[in-house]
Amino acid sequence: MRIVSFPLAATLLAAGMLVASGAHAQTYGPRDEGRRFDDGSRVVCHDVEVANNARDQNRVAGTATGAVIGGLLGNQVGKGNGRKLATVGGAVAGGLVGRNVQGRNQERNGQRVVQTRCERVYR
């Protein structure tokens, strides 16, 4: 017979209790709308418009492209340390502009879908 250490045994016991008690979030769907519970809460559903368009939600491509172009343009200005500062400033500004341009394009060209979301309301 193998003896299990106390911290490991306590961890296993706590994990078993969580699983047994159903310590996961309950999800509700449109079929549950109006369902009432003993504590006075009920399930409410509402339609939400969701953008389904962005493969690059963090807009990395636009930011990177803008930063490269801005850095190249900034490098054309000044001499010595001024040129280095202009390159960095151009890269930062270009990254911000590229991110915003990509975001506007994603909004304009995006597909929107309506989803029904249900939640338990405590009142």
PDB file of N, CA and C in Angstrom:
ATOM      1  N   MET A   1       0.832  -1.186   0.000  1.00  0.00           N
ATOM      2  CA  MET A   1       0.000   0.000   0.000  1.00  0.00           C
ATOM      3  C   MET A   1       0.872   1.244   0.000  1.00  0.00           C
ATOM      4  N   ARG A   2       0.543   2.200  -0.845  1.00  0.00           N
ATOM      5  CA  ARG A   2       1.322   3.431  -0.963  1.00  0.00           C
ATOM      6  C   ARG A   2       0.660   4.521  -0.148  1.00  0.00           C
ATOM      7  N   ILE A   3       1.433   5.275   0.580  1.00  0.00           N
ATOM      8  CA  ILE A   3       0.903   6.369   1.402  1.00  0.00           C
ATOM      9  C   ILE A   3       1.082   7.660   0.620  1.00  0.00           C
ATOM     10  N   VAL A   4       0.002   8.432   0.517  1.00  0.00           N
ATOM     11  CA  VAL A   4       0.015   9.698  -0.219  1.00  0.00           C
ATOM     12  C   VAL A   4       0.298  10.819   0.760  1.00  0.00           C
ATOM     13  N   SER A   5       1.147  11.777   0.378  1.00  0.00           N
ATOM     14  CA  SER A   5       1.475  12.888   1.261  1.00  0.00           C
ATOM     15  C   SER A   5       0.240  13.738   1.549  1.00  0.00           C
ATOM     16  N   PHE A   6       0.258  14.432   2.680  1.00  0.00           N
ATOM     17  CA  PHE A   6      -0.906  15.210   3.105  1.00  0.00           C
ATOM     18  C   PHE A   6      -1.299  16.306   2.112  1.00  0.00           C
ATOM     19  N   PRO A   7      -0.351  17.152   1.611  1.00  0.00           N
ATOM     20  CA  PRO A   7      -0.774  18.195   0.660  1.00  0.00           C
ATOM     21  C   PRO A   7      -1.393  17.614  -0.610  1.00  0.00           C
ATOM     22  N   LEU A   8      -0.839  16.515  -1.103  1.00  0.00           N
ATOM     23  CA  LEU A   8      -1.391  15.903  -2.301  1.00  0.00           C
ATOM     24  C   LEU A   8      -2.779  15.334  -2.019  1.00  0.00           C
ATOM     25  N   ALA A   9      -2.938  14.689  -0.868  1.00  0.00           N
ATOM     26  CA  ALA A   9      -4.231  14.121  -0.503  1.00  0.00           C
ATOM     27  C   ALA A   9      -5.278  15.223  -0.345  1.00  0.00           C
ATOM     28  N   ALA A  10      -4.898  16.348   0.265  1.00  0.00           N
ATOM     29  CA  ALA A  10      -5.831  17.468   0.447  1.00  0.00           C
ATOM     30  C   ALA A  10      -6.227  18.062  -0.896  1.00  0.00           C
ATOM     31  N   THR A  11      -5.272  18.157  -1.812  1.00  0.00           N
ATOM     32  CA  THR A  11      -5.564  18.691  -3.143  1.00  0.00           C
ATOM     33  C   THR A  11      -6.518  17.774  -3.891  1.00  0.00           C
ATOM     34  N   LEU A  12      -6.265  16.474  -3.846  1.00  0.00           N
ATOM     35  CA  LEU A  12      -7.139  15.514  -4.515  1.00  0.00           C
ATOM     36  C   LEU A  12      -8.540  15.530  -3.913  1.00  0.00           C
ATOM     37  N   LEU A  13      -8.629  15.637  -2.598  1.00  0.00           N
ATOM     38  CA  LEU A  13      -9.929  15.692  -1.933  1.00  0.00           C
ATOM     39  C   LEU A  13     -10.696  16.937  -2.345  1.00  0.00           C
ATOM     40  N   ALA A  14     -10.015  18.101  -2.377  1.00  0.00           N
ATOM     41  CA  ALA A  14     -10.672  19.349  -2.766  1.00  0.00           C
ATOM     42  C   ALA A  14     -11.137  19.282  -4.218  1.00  0.00           C
ATOM     43  N   ALA A  15     -10.321  18.731  -5.105  1.00  0.00           N
ATOM     44  CA  ALA A  15     -10.699  18.613  -6.514  1.00  0.00           C
ATOM     45  C   ALA A  15     -11.904  17.695  -6.667  1.00  0.00           C
ATOM     46  N   GLY A  16     -11.922  16.593  -5.924  1.00  0.00           N
ATOM     47  CA  GLY A  16     -13.058  15.682  -5.973  1.00  0.00           C
ATOM     48  C   GLY A  16     -14.331  16.336  -5.481  1.00  0.00           C
ATOM     49  N   MET A  17     -14.234  17.150  -4.451  1.00  0.00           N
ATOM     50  CA  MET A  17     -15.412  17.845  -3.920  1.00  0.00           C
ATOM     51  C   MET A  17     -15.947  18.853  -4.923  1.00  0.00           C
ATOM     52  N   LEU A  18     -15.052  19.559  -5.630  1.00  0.00           N
ATOM     53  CA  LEU A  18     -15.491  20.533  -6.632  1.00  0.00           C
ATOM     54  C   LEU A  18     -16.222  19.853  -7.771  1.00  0.00           C
ATOM     55  N   VAL A  19     -15.683  18.728  -8.230  1.00  0.00           N
ATOM     56  CA  VAL A  19     -16.326  18.002  -9.325  1.00  0.00           C
ATOM     57  C   VAL A  19     -17.674  17.462  -8.883  1.00  0.00           C
ATOM     58  N   ALA A  20     -17.736  16.930  -7.679  1.00  0.00           N
ATOM     59  CA  ALA A  20     -18.974  16.341  -7.181  1.00  0.00           C
ATOM     60  C   ALA A  20     -20.046  17.400  -6.937  1.00  0.00           C
ATOM     61  N   SER A  21     -19.618  18.606  -6.570  1.00  0.00           N
ATOM     62  CA  SER A  21     -20.594  19.644  -6.257  1.00  0.00           C
ATOM     63  C   SER A  21     -21.088  20.373  -7.502  1.00  0.00           C
ATOM     64  N   GLY A  22     -20.520  20.046  -8.659  1.00  0.00           N
ATOM     65  CA  GLY A  22     -20.952  20.716  -9.894  1.00  0.00           C
ATOM     66  C   GLY A  22     -20.477  22.150  -9.932  1.00  0.00           C
ATOM     67  N   ALA A  23     -19.217  22.382  -9.652  1.00  0.00           N
ATOM     68  CA  ALA A  23     -18.670  23.724  -9.545  1.00  0.00           C
ATOM     69  C   ALA A  23     -18.346  24.311 -10.912  1.00  0.00           C
ATOM     70  N   HIS A  24     -19.198  24.127 -11.868  1.00  0.00           N
ATOM     71  CA  HIS A  24     -19.007  24.732 -13.178  1.00  0.00           C
ATOM     72  C   HIS A  24     -20.203  25.630 -13.473  1.00  0.00           C
ATOM     73  N   ALA A  25     -20.004  26.581 -14.359  1.00  0.00           N
ATOM     74  CA  ALA A  25     -21.061  27.534 -14.678  1.00  0.00           C
ATOM     75  C   ALA A  25     -22.158  26.865 -15.497  1.00  0.00           C
ATOM     76  N   GLN A  26     -23.364  27.163 -15.164  1.00  0.00           N
ATOM     77  CA  GLN A  26     -24.516  26.649 -15.894  1.00  0.00           C
ATOM     78  C   GLN A  26     -24.746  27.536 -17.111  1.00  0.00           C
ATOM     79  N   THR A  27     -25.002  26.928 -18.250  1.00  0.00           N
ATOM     80  CA  THR A  27     -25.333  27.703 -19.439  1.00  0.00           C
ATOM     81  C   THR A  27     -26.813  27.521 -19.758  1.00  0.00           C
ATOM     82  N   TYR A  28     -27.406  28.560 -20.310  1.00  0.00           N
ATOM     83  CA  TYR A  28     -28.827  28.550 -20.627  1.00  0.00           C
ATOM     84  C   TYR A  28     -29.022  28.903 -22.090  1.00  0.00           C
ATOM     85  N   GLY A  29     -30.054  28.356 -22.689  1.00  0.00           N
ATOM     86  CA  GLY A  29     -30.375  28.625 -24.083  1.00  0.00           C
ATOM     87  C   GLY A  29     -31.773  29.187 -24.211  1.00  0.00           C
ATOM     88  N   PRO A  30     -32.200  29.472 -25.438  1.00  0.00           N
ATOM     89  CA  PRO A  30     -33.520  30.055 -25.674  1.00  0.00           C
ATOM     90  C   PRO A  30     -34.662  29.206 -25.123  1.00  0.00           C
ATOM     91  N   ARG A  31     -34.476  27.885 -25.055  1.00  0.00           N
ATOM     92  CA  ARG A  31     -35.525  27.020 -24.500  1.00  0.00           C
ATOM     93  C   ARG A  31     -35.749  27.289 -23.017  1.00  0.00           C
ATOM     94  N   ASP A  32     -34.732  27.832 -22.330  1.00  0.00           N
ATOM     95  CA  ASP A  32     -34.824  28.085 -20.888  1.00  0.00           C
ATOM     96  C   ASP A  32     -35.436  29.449 -20.566  1.00  0.00           C
ATOM     97  N   GLU A  33     -35.709  30.265 -21.570  1.00  0.00           N
ATOM     98  CA  GLU A  33     -36.207  31.618 -21.317  1.00  0.00           C
ATOM     99  C   GLU A  33     -37.488  31.561 -20.492  1.00  0.00           C
ATOM    100  N   GLY A  34     -37.516  32.389 -19.440  1.00  0.00           N
ATOM    101  CA  GLY A  34     -38.670  32.440 -18.559  1.00  0.00           C
ATOM    102  C   GLY A  34     -38.603  31.450 -17.405  1.00  0.00           C
ATOM    103  N   ARG A  35     -37.655  30.538 -17.452  1.00  0.00           N
ATOM    104  CA  ARG A  35     -37.520  29.547 -16.378  1.00  0.00           C
ATOM    105  C   ARG A  35     -37.243  30.261 -15.059  1.00  0.00           C
ATOM    106  N   ARG A  36     -37.962  29.869 -14.006  1.00  0.00           N
ATOM    107  CA  ARG A  36     -37.801  30.500 -12.693  1.00  0.00           C
ATOM    108  C   ARG A  36     -37.182  29.504 -11.721  1.00  0.00           C
ATOM    109  N   PHE A  37     -36.427  30.049 -10.768  1.00  0.00           N
ATOM    110  CA  PHE A  37     -35.746  29.232  -9.770  1.00  0.00           C
ATOM    111  C   PHE A  37     -36.274  29.565  -8.380  1.00  0.00           C
ATOM    112  N   ASP A  38     -35.999  28.699  -7.421  1.00  0.00           N
ATOM    113  CA  ASP A  38     -36.498  28.863  -6.056  1.00  0.00           C
ATOM    114  C   ASP A  38     -35.978  30.134  -5.384  1.00  0.00           C
ATOM    115  N   ASP A  39     -34.804  30.614  -5.784  1.00  0.00           N
ATOM    116  CA  ASP A  39     -34.241  31.807  -5.160  1.00  0.00           C
ATOM    117  C   ASP A  39     -34.785  33.103  -5.753  1.00  0.00           C
ATOM    118  N   GLY A  40     -35.778  33.018  -6.650  1.00  0.00           N
ATOM    119  CA  GLY A  40     -36.394  34.202  -7.247  1.00  0.00           C
ATOM    120  C   GLY A  40     -35.752  34.641  -8.551  1.00  0.00           C
ATOM    121  N   SER A  41     -34.682  33.986  -8.951  1.00  0.00           N
ATOM    122  CA  SER A  41     -34.024  34.349 -10.204  1.00  0.00           C
ATOM    123  C   SER A  41     -34.749  33.696 -11.378  1.00  0.00           C
ATOM    124  N   ARG A  42     -34.444  34.205 -12.577  1.00  0.00           N
ATOM    125  CA  ARG A  42     -35.063  33.659 -13.783  1.00  0.00           C
ATOM    126  C   ARG A  42     -34.095  33.788 -14.948  1.00  0.00           C
ATOM    127  N   VAL A  43     -34.393  33.097 -16.037  1.00  0.00           N
ATOM    128  CA  VAL A  43     -33.553  33.148 -17.233  1.00  0.00           C
ATOM    129  C   VAL A  43     -34.142  34.162 -18.206  1.00  0.00           C
ATOM    130  N   VAL A  44     -33.301  35.085 -18.668  1.00  0.00           N
ATOM    131  CA  VAL A  44     -33.703  36.122 -19.620  1.00  0.00           C
ATOM    132  C   VAL A  44     -32.808  36.004 -20.848  1.00  0.00           C
ATOM    133  N   CYS A  45     -33.423  36.051 -22.030  1.00  0.00           N
ATOM    134  CA  CYS A  45     -32.671  35.981 -23.287  1.00  0.00           C
ATOM    135  C   CYS A  45     -32.812  37.288 -24.044  1.00  0.00           C
ATOM    136  N   HIS A  46     -31.772  37.671 -24.776  1.00  0.00           N
ATOM    137  CA  HIS A  46     -31.815  38.852 -25.623  1.00  0.00           C
ATOM    138  C   HIS A  46     -30.929  38.628 -26.843  1.00  0.00           C
ATOM    139  N   ASP A  47     -31.254  39.309 -27.929  1.00  0.00           N
ATOM    140  CA  ASP A  47     -30.490  39.193 -29.168  1.00  0.00           C
ATOM    141  C   ASP A  47     -29.330  40.180 -29.141  1.00  0.00           C
ATOM    142  N   VAL A  48     -28.172  39.719 -29.578  1.00  0.00           N
ATOM    143  CA  VAL A  48     -26.964  40.528 -29.601  1.00  0.00           C
ATOM    144  C   VAL A  48     -26.367  40.460 -31.000  1.00  0.00           C
ATOM    145  N   GLU A  49     -25.989  41.614 -31.549  1.00  0.00           N
ATOM    146  CA  GLU A  49     -25.323  41.644 -32.846  1.00  0.00           C
ATOM    147  C   GLU A  49     -23.830  41.443 -32.629  1.00  0.00           C
ATOM    148  N   VAL A  50     -23.275  40.457 -33.308  1.00  0.00           N
ATOM    149  CA  VAL A  50     -21.883  40.084 -33.107  1.00  0.00           C
ATOM    150  C   VAL A  50     -21.134  40.196 -34.429  1.00  0.00           C
ATOM    151  N   ALA A  51     -19.965  40.846 -34.395  1.00  0.00           N
ATOM    152  CA  ALA A  51     -19.124  40.928 -35.586  1.00  0.00           C
ATOM    153  C   ALA A  51     -18.442  39.584 -35.779  1.00  0.00           C
ATOM    154  N   ASN A  52     -18.542  39.060 -36.972  1.00  0.00           N
ATOM    155  CA  ASN A  52     -18.009  37.735 -37.274  1.00  0.00           C
ATOM    156  C   ASN A  52     -16.972  37.839 -38.374  1.00  0.00           C
ATOM    157  N   ASN A  53     -16.231  38.936 -38.385  1.00  0.00           N
ATOM    158  CA  ASN A  53     -15.430  39.246 -39.551  1.00  0.00           C
ATOM    159  C   ASN A  53     -13.933  39.153 -39.361  1.00  0.00           C
ATOM    160  N   ALA A  54     -13.459  39.287 -38.177  1.00  0.00           N
ATOM    161  CA  ALA A  54     -12.042  39.539 -37.993  1.00  0.00           C
ATOM    162  C   ALA A  54     -11.248  38.248 -37.803  1.00  0.00           C
ATOM    163  N   ARG A  55     -10.433  37.936 -38.778  1.00  0.00           N
ATOM    164  CA  ARG A  55      -9.477  36.843 -38.596  1.00  0.00           C
ATOM    165  C   ARG A  55      -8.297  37.347 -37.777  1.00  0.00           C
ATOM    166  N   ASP A  56      -7.985  38.621 -37.913  1.00  0.00           N
ATOM    167  CA  ASP A  56      -6.876  39.246 -37.194  1.00  0.00           C
ATOM    168  C   ASP A  56      -7.466  40.272 -36.227  1.00  0.00           C
ATOM    169  N   GLN A  57      -8.055  39.801 -35.135  1.00  0.00           N
ATOM    170  CA  GLN A  57      -8.753  40.691 -34.223  1.00  0.00           C
ATOM    171  C   GLN A  57      -7.827  41.675 -33.529  1.00  0.00           C
ATOM    172  N   ASN A  58      -6.575  41.330 -33.355  1.00  0.00           N
ATOM    173  CA  ASN A  58      -5.631  42.239 -32.703  1.00  0.00           C
ATOM    174  C   ASN A  58      -4.996  43.222 -33.684  1.00  0.00           C
ATOM    175  N   ARG A  59      -5.352  43.079 -34.944  1.00  0.00           N
ATOM    176  CA  ARG A  59      -4.886  43.985 -36.004  1.00  0.00           C
ATOM    177  C   ARG A  59      -3.362  44.033 -36.108  1.00  0.00           C
ATOM    178  N   VAL A  60      -2.746  42.882 -35.995  1.00  0.00           N
ATOM    179  CA  VAL A  60      -1.290  42.786 -36.050  1.00  0.00           C
ATOM    180  C   VAL A  60      -0.763  43.165 -37.426  1.00  0.00           C
ATOM    181  N   ALA A  61      -1.430  42.705 -38.477  1.00  0.00           N
ATOM    182  CA  ALA A  61      -0.949  42.979 -39.836  1.00  0.00           C
ATOM    183  C   ALA A  61      -0.933  44.480 -40.119  1.00  0.00           C
ATOM    184  N   GLY A  62      -2.007  45.172 -39.772  1.00  0.00           N
ATOM    185  CA  GLY A  62      -2.069  46.617 -40.004  1.00  0.00           C
ATOM    186  C   GLY A  62      -1.046  47.371 -39.183  1.00  0.00           C
ATOM    187  N   THR A  63      -0.868  46.958 -37.930  1.00  0.00           N
ATOM    188  CA  THR A  63       0.095  47.617 -37.059  1.00  0.00           C
ATOM    189  C   THR A  63       1.518  47.423 -37.575  1.00  0.00           C
ATOM    190  N   ALA A  64       1.853  46.194 -37.949  1.00  0.00           N
ATOM    191  CA  ALA A  64       3.209  45.909 -38.429  1.00  0.00           C
ATOM    192  C   ALA A  64       3.497  46.626 -39.746  1.00  0.00           C
ATOM    193  N   THR A  65       2.545  46.587 -40.669  1.00  0.00           N
ATOM    194  CA  THR A  65       2.747  47.256 -41.960  1.00  0.00           C
ATOM    195  C   THR A  65       2.913  48.753 -41.766  1.00  0.00           C
ATOM    196  N   GLY A  66       2.054  49.348 -40.936  1.00  0.00           N
ATOM    197  CA  GLY A  66       2.153  50.782 -40.666  1.00  0.00           C
ATOM    198  C   GLY A  66       3.460  51.150 -39.994  1.00  0.00           C
ATOM    199  N   ALA A  67       3.920  50.304 -39.078  1.00  0.00           N
ATOM    200  CA  ALA A  67       5.179  50.592 -38.381  1.00  0.00           C
ATOM    201  C   ALA A  67       6.365  50.551 -39.342  1.00  0.00           C
ATOM    202  N   VAL A  68       6.371  49.584 -40.247  1.00  0.00           N
ATOM    203  CA  VAL A  68       7.477  49.497 -41.223  1.00  0.00           C
ATOM    204  C   VAL A  68       7.469  50.713 -42.141  1.00  0.00           C
ATOM    205  N   ILE A  69       6.318  51.049 -42.670  1.00  0.00           N
ATOM    206  CA  ILE A  69       6.232  52.203 -43.574  1.00  0.00           C
ATOM    207  C   ILE A  69       6.579  53.491 -42.840  1.00  0.00           C
ATOM    208  N   GLY A  70       6.039  53.650 -41.615  1.00  0.00           N
ATOM    209  CA  GLY A  70       6.351  54.848 -40.828  1.00  0.00           C
ATOM    210  C   GLY A  70       7.830  54.948 -40.500  1.00  0.00           C
ATOM    211  N   GLY A  71       8.437  53.805 -40.150  1.00  0.00           N
ATOM    212  CA  GLY A  71       9.870  53.801 -39.861  1.00  0.00           C
ATOM    213  C   GLY A  71      10.707  54.164 -41.073  1.00  0.00           C
ATOM    214  N   LEU A  72      10.323  53.645 -42.248  1.00  0.00           N
ATOM    215  CA  LEU A  72      11.053  53.982 -43.478  1.00  0.00           C
ATOM    216  C   LEU A  72      10.924  55.473 -43.799  1.00  0.00           C
ATOM    217  N   LEU A  73       9.725  56.018 -43.636  1.00  0.00           N
ATOM    218  CA  LEU A  73       9.537  57.447 -43.903  1.00  0.00           C
ATOM    219  C   LEU A  73      10.277  58.293 -42.870  1.00  0.00           C
ATOM    220  N   GLY A  74      10.229  57.887 -41.603  1.00  0.00           N
ATOM    221  CA  GLY A  74      10.934  58.632 -40.569  1.00  0.00           C
ATOM    222  C   GLY A  74      12.438  58.607 -40.750  1.00  0.00           C
ATOM    223  N   ASN A  75      12.955  57.543 -41.328  1.00  0.00           N
ATOM    224  CA  ASN A  75      14.386  57.417 -41.561  1.00  0.00           C
ATOM    225  C   ASN A  75      14.898  58.395 -42.618  1.00  0.00           C
ATOM    226  N   GLN A  76      13.993  58.945 -43.404  1.00  0.00           N
ATOM    227  CA  GLN A  76      14.377  59.899 -44.453  1.00  0.00           C
ATOM    228  C   GLN A  76      14.600  61.302 -43.898  1.00  0.00           C
ATOM    229  N   VAL A  77      14.268  61.507 -42.613  1.00  0.00           N
ATOM    230  CA  VAL A  77      14.302  62.850 -42.018  1.00  0.00           C
ATOM    231  C   VAL A  77      15.503  62.967 -41.091  1.00  0.00           C
ATOM    232  N   GLY A  78      16.172  64.093 -41.107  1.00  0.00           N
ATOM    233  CA  GLY A  78      17.221  64.411 -40.154  1.00  0.00           C
ATOM    234  C   GLY A  78      18.530  63.683 -40.391  1.00  0.00           C
ATOM    235  N   LYS A  79      19.477  63.924 -39.437  1.00  0.00           N
ATOM    236  CA  LYS A  79      20.807  63.304 -39.476  1.00  0.00           C
ATOM    237  C   LYS A  79      21.170  62.836 -38.078  1.00  0.00           C
ATOM    238  N   GLY A  80      22.000  61.835 -37.969  1.00  0.00           N
ATOM    239  CA  GLY A  80      22.513  61.356 -36.679  1.00  0.00           C
ATOM    240  C   GLY A  80      21.415  60.877 -35.750  1.00  0.00           C
ATOM    241  N   ASN A  81      21.462  61.412 -34.501  1.00  0.00           N
ATOM    242  CA  ASN A  81      20.473  61.011 -33.501  1.00  0.00           C
ATOM    243  C   ASN A  81      19.066  61.483 -33.867  1.00  0.00           C
ATOM    244  N   GLY A  82      18.966  62.585 -34.585  1.00  0.00           N
ATOM    245  CA  GLY A  82      17.662  63.066 -35.030  1.00  0.00           C
ATOM    246  C   GLY A  82      17.004  62.078 -35.990  1.00  0.00           C
ATOM    247  N   ARG A  83      17.829  61.465 -36.820  1.00  0.00           N
ATOM    248  CA  ARG A  83      17.301  60.463 -37.760  1.00  0.00           C
ATOM    249  C   ARG A  83      16.793  59.236 -37.001  1.00  0.00           C
ATOM    250  N   LYS A  84      17.539  58.810 -35.962  1.00  0.00           N
ATOM    251  CA  LYS A  84      17.107  57.668 -35.152  1.00  0.00           C
ATOM    252  C   LYS A  84      15.783  57.978 -34.453  1.00  0.00           C
ATOM    253  N   LEU A  85      15.683  59.162 -33.900  1.00  0.00           N
ATOM    254  CA  LEU A  85      14.459  59.572 -33.215  1.00  0.00           C
ATOM    255  C   LEU A  85      13.289  59.654 -34.193  1.00  0.00           C
ATOM    256  N   ALA A  86      13.554  60.190 -35.383  1.00  0.00           N
ATOM    257  CA  ALA A  86      12.503  60.280 -36.393  1.00  0.00           C
ATOM    258  C   ALA A  86      12.067  58.890 -36.866  1.00  0.00           C
ATOM    259  N   THR A  87      13.005  57.963 -36.962  1.00  0.00           N
ATOM    260  CA  THR A  87      12.672  56.584 -37.365  1.00  0.00           C
ATOM    261  C   THR A  87      11.764  55.922 -36.333  1.00  0.00           C
ATOM    262  N   VAL A  88      12.127  56.053 -35.066  1.00  0.00           N
ATOM    263  CA  VAL A  88      11.313  55.469 -33.999  1.00  0.00           C
ATOM    264  C   VAL A  88       9.938  56.134 -33.947  1.00  0.00           C
ATOM    265  N   GLY A  89       9.920  57.472 -34.020  1.00  0.00           N
ATOM    266  CA  GLY A  89       8.642  58.195 -34.008  1.00  0.00           C
ATOM    267  C   GLY A  89       7.767  57.826 -35.192  1.00  0.00           C
ATOM    268  N   GLY A  90       8.392  57.686 -36.354  1.00  0.00           N
ATOM    269  CA  GLY A  90       7.641  57.284 -37.542  1.00  0.00           C
ATOM    270  C   GLY A  90       7.079  55.879 -37.417  1.00  0.00           C
ATOM    271  N   ALA A  91       7.846  54.971 -36.824  1.00  0.00           N
ATOM    272  CA  ALA A  91       7.384  53.590 -36.638  1.00  0.00           C
ATOM    273  C   ALA A  91       6.200  53.542 -35.678  1.00  0.00           C
ATOM    274  N   VAL A  92       6.280  54.300 -34.595  1.00  0.00           N
ATOM    275  CA  VAL A  92       5.178  54.323 -33.624  1.00  0.00           C
ATOM    276  C   VAL A  92       3.927  54.925 -34.249  1.00  0.00           C
ATOM    277  N   ALA A  93       4.088  56.082 -34.893  1.00  0.00           N
ATOM    278  CA  ALA A  93       2.936  56.738 -35.521  1.00  0.00           C
ATOM    279  C   ALA A  93       2.362  55.868 -36.643  1.00  0.00           C
ATOM    280  N   GLY A  94       3.226  55.274 -37.445  1.00  0.00           N
ATOM    281  CA  GLY A  94       2.766  54.407 -38.527  1.00  0.00           C
ATOM    282  C   GLY A  94       2.025  53.186 -38.005  1.00  0.00           C
ATOM    283  N   GLY A  95       2.494  52.622 -36.906  1.00  0.00           N
ATOM    284  CA  GLY A  95       1.815  51.477 -36.297  1.00  0.00           C
ATOM    285  C   GLY A  95       0.417  51.843 -35.833  1.00  0.00           C
ATOM    286  N   LEU A  96       0.272  53.012 -35.222  1.00  0.00           N
ATOM    287  CA  LEU A  96      -1.054  53.467 -34.777  1.00  0.00           C
ATOM    288  C   LEU A  96      -1.992  53.704 -35.954  1.00  0.00           C
ATOM    289  N   VAL A  97      -1.478  54.336 -36.986  1.00  0.00           N
ATOM    290  CA  VAL A  97      -2.301  54.604 -38.173  1.00  0.00           C
ATOM    291  C   VAL A  97      -2.698  53.288 -38.845  1.00  0.00           C
ATOM    292  N   GLY A  98      -1.750  52.373 -39.002  1.00  0.00           N
ATOM    293  CA  GLY A  98      -2.041  51.087 -39.634  1.00  0.00           C
ATOM    294  C   GLY A  98      -3.080  50.290 -38.867  1.00  0.00           C
ATOM    295  N   ARG A  99      -2.995  50.317 -37.551  1.00  0.00           N
ATOM    296  CA  ARG A  99      -3.976  49.618 -36.709  1.00  0.00           C
ATOM    297  C   ARG A  99      -5.368  50.206 -36.907  1.00  0.00           C
ATOM    298  N   ASN A 100      -5.470  51.530 -36.923  1.00  0.00           N
ATOM    299  CA  ASN A 100      -6.766  52.186 -37.109  1.00  0.00           C
ATOM    300  C   ASN A 100      -7.349  51.932 -38.490  1.00  0.00           C
ATOM    301  N   VAL A 101      -6.507  51.963 -39.513  1.00  0.00           N
ATOM    302  CA  VAL A 101      -6.984  51.702 -40.878  1.00  0.00           C
ATOM    303  C   VAL A 101      -7.517  50.281 -40.985  1.00  0.00           C
ATOM    304  N   GLN A 102      -6.784  49.314 -40.446  1.00  0.00           N
ATOM    305  CA  GLN A 102      -7.253  47.932 -40.505  1.00  0.00           C
ATOM    306  C   GLN A 102      -8.558  47.776 -39.725  1.00  0.00           C
ATOM    307  N   GLY A 103      -8.676  48.417 -38.589  1.00  0.00           N
ATOM    308  CA  GLY A 103      -9.907  48.336 -37.809  1.00  0.00           C
ATOM    309  C   GLY A 103     -11.106  48.887 -38.553  1.00  0.00           C
ATOM    310  N   ARG A 104     -10.929  50.039 -39.220  1.00  0.00           N
ATOM    311  CA  ARG A 104     -12.038  50.616 -40.009  1.00  0.00           C
ATOM    312  C   ARG A 104     -12.421  49.696 -41.161  1.00  0.00           C
ATOM    313  N   ASN A 105     -11.442  49.110 -41.829  1.00  0.00           N
ATOM    314  CA  ASN A 105     -11.741  48.181 -42.928  1.00  0.00           C
ATOM    315  C   ASN A 105     -12.480  46.944 -42.424  1.00  0.00           C
ATOM    316  N   GLN A 106     -12.088  46.418 -41.285  1.00  0.00           N
ATOM    317  CA  GLN A 106     -12.771  45.252 -40.733  1.00  0.00           C
ATOM    318  C   GLN A 106     -14.214  45.590 -40.366  1.00  0.00           C
ATOM    319  N   GLU A 107     -14.447  46.775 -39.823  1.00  0.00           N
ATOM    320  CA  GLU A 107     -15.813  47.184 -39.475  1.00  0.00           C
ATOM    321  C   GLU A 107     -16.671  47.344 -40.727  1.00  0.00           C
ATOM    322  N   ARG A 108     -16.115  47.977 -41.741  1.00  0.00           N
ATOM    323  CA  ARG A 108     -16.873  48.256 -42.966  1.00  0.00           C
ATOM    324  C   ARG A 108     -17.170  46.983 -43.749  1.00  0.00           C
ATOM    325  N   ASN A 109     -16.209  46.073 -43.830  1.00  0.00           N
ATOM    326  CA  ASN A 109     -16.364  44.877 -44.645  1.00  0.00           C
ATOM    327  C   ASN A 109     -16.846  43.667 -43.853  1.00  0.00           C
ATOM    328  N   GLY A 110     -17.093  43.847 -42.591  1.00  0.00           N
ATOM    329  CA  GLY A 110     -17.392  42.716 -41.729  1.00  0.00           C
ATOM    330  C   GLY A 110     -18.791  42.163 -41.876  1.00  0.00           C
ATOM    331  N   GLN A 111     -18.922  40.920 -41.520  1.00  0.00           N
ATOM    332  CA  GLN A 111     -20.208  40.235 -41.511  1.00  0.00           C
ATOM    333  C   GLN A 111     -20.735  40.280 -40.087  1.00  0.00           C
ATOM    334  N   ARG A 112     -21.985  40.644 -39.940  1.00  0.00           N
ATOM    335  CA  ARG A 112     -22.599  40.709 -38.615  1.00  0.00           C
ATOM    336  C   ARG A 112     -23.694  39.663 -38.526  1.00  0.00           C
ATOM    337  N   VAL A 113     -23.740  38.987 -37.411  1.00  0.00           N
ATOM    338  CA  VAL A 113     -24.774  37.987 -37.172  1.00  0.00           C
ATOM    339  C   VAL A 113     -25.451  38.307 -35.845  1.00  0.00           C
ATOM    340  N   VAL A 114     -26.706  37.910 -35.730  1.00  0.00           N
ATOM    341  CA  VAL A 114     -27.451  38.109 -34.494  1.00  0.00           C
ATOM    342  C   VAL A 114     -27.486  36.777 -33.750  1.00  0.00           C
ATOM    343  N   GLN A 115     -27.042  36.809 -32.508  1.00  0.00           N
ATOM    344  CA  GLN A 115     -27.047  35.617 -31.669  1.00  0.00           C
ATOM    345  C   GLN A 115     -27.949  35.868 -30.464  1.00  0.00           C
ATOM    346  N   THR A 116     -28.599  34.819 -29.996  1.00  0.00           N
ATOM    347  CA  THR A 116     -29.412  34.917 -28.795  1.00  0.00           C
ATOM    348  C   THR A 116     -28.561  34.486 -27.612  1.00  0.00           C
ATOM    349  N   ARG A 117     -28.434  35.374 -26.642  1.00  0.00           N
ATOM    350  CA  ARG A 117     -27.663  35.092 -25.425  1.00  0.00           C
ATOM    351  C   ARG A 117     -28.620  35.057 -24.248  1.00  0.00           C
ATOM    352  N   CYS A 118     -28.501  34.039 -23.431  1.00  0.00           N
ATOM    353  CA  CYS A 118     -29.379  33.875 -22.278  1.00  0.00           C
ATOM    354  C   CYS A 118     -28.540  33.874 -21.006  1.00  0.00           C
ATOM    355  N   GLU A 119     -29.092  34.481 -19.957  1.00  0.00           N
ATOM    356  CA  GLU A 119     -28.395  34.529 -18.685  1.00  0.00           C
ATOM    357  C   GLU A 119     -29.395  34.466 -17.536  1.00  0.00           C
ATOM    358  N   ARG A 120     -28.907  34.041 -16.408  1.00  0.00           N
ATOM    359  CA  ARG A 120     -29.740  33.979 -15.201  1.00  0.00           C
ATOM    360  C   ARG A 120     -29.680  35.332 -14.515  1.00  0.00           C
ATOM    361  N   VAL A 121     -30.841  35.903 -14.256  1.00  0.00           N
ATOM    362  CA  VAL A 121     -30.933  37.231 -13.668  1.00  0.00           C
ATOM    363  C   VAL A 121     -31.428  37.084 -12.235  1.00  0.00           C
ATOM    364  N   TYR A 122     -30.684  37.667 -11.313  1.00  0.00           N
ATOM    365  CA  TYR A 122     -31.056  37.625  -9.896  1.00  0.00           C
ATOM    366  C   TYR A 122     -31.696  38.958  -9.532  1.00  0.00           C
ATOM    367  N   ARG A 123     -32.988  38.954  -9.221  1.00  0.00           N
ATOM    368  CA  ARG A 123     -33.676  40.194  -8.843  1.00  0.00           C
ATOM    369  C   ARG A 123     -34.577  39.950  -7.694  1.00  0.00           C
TER     370      ARG A 123
END
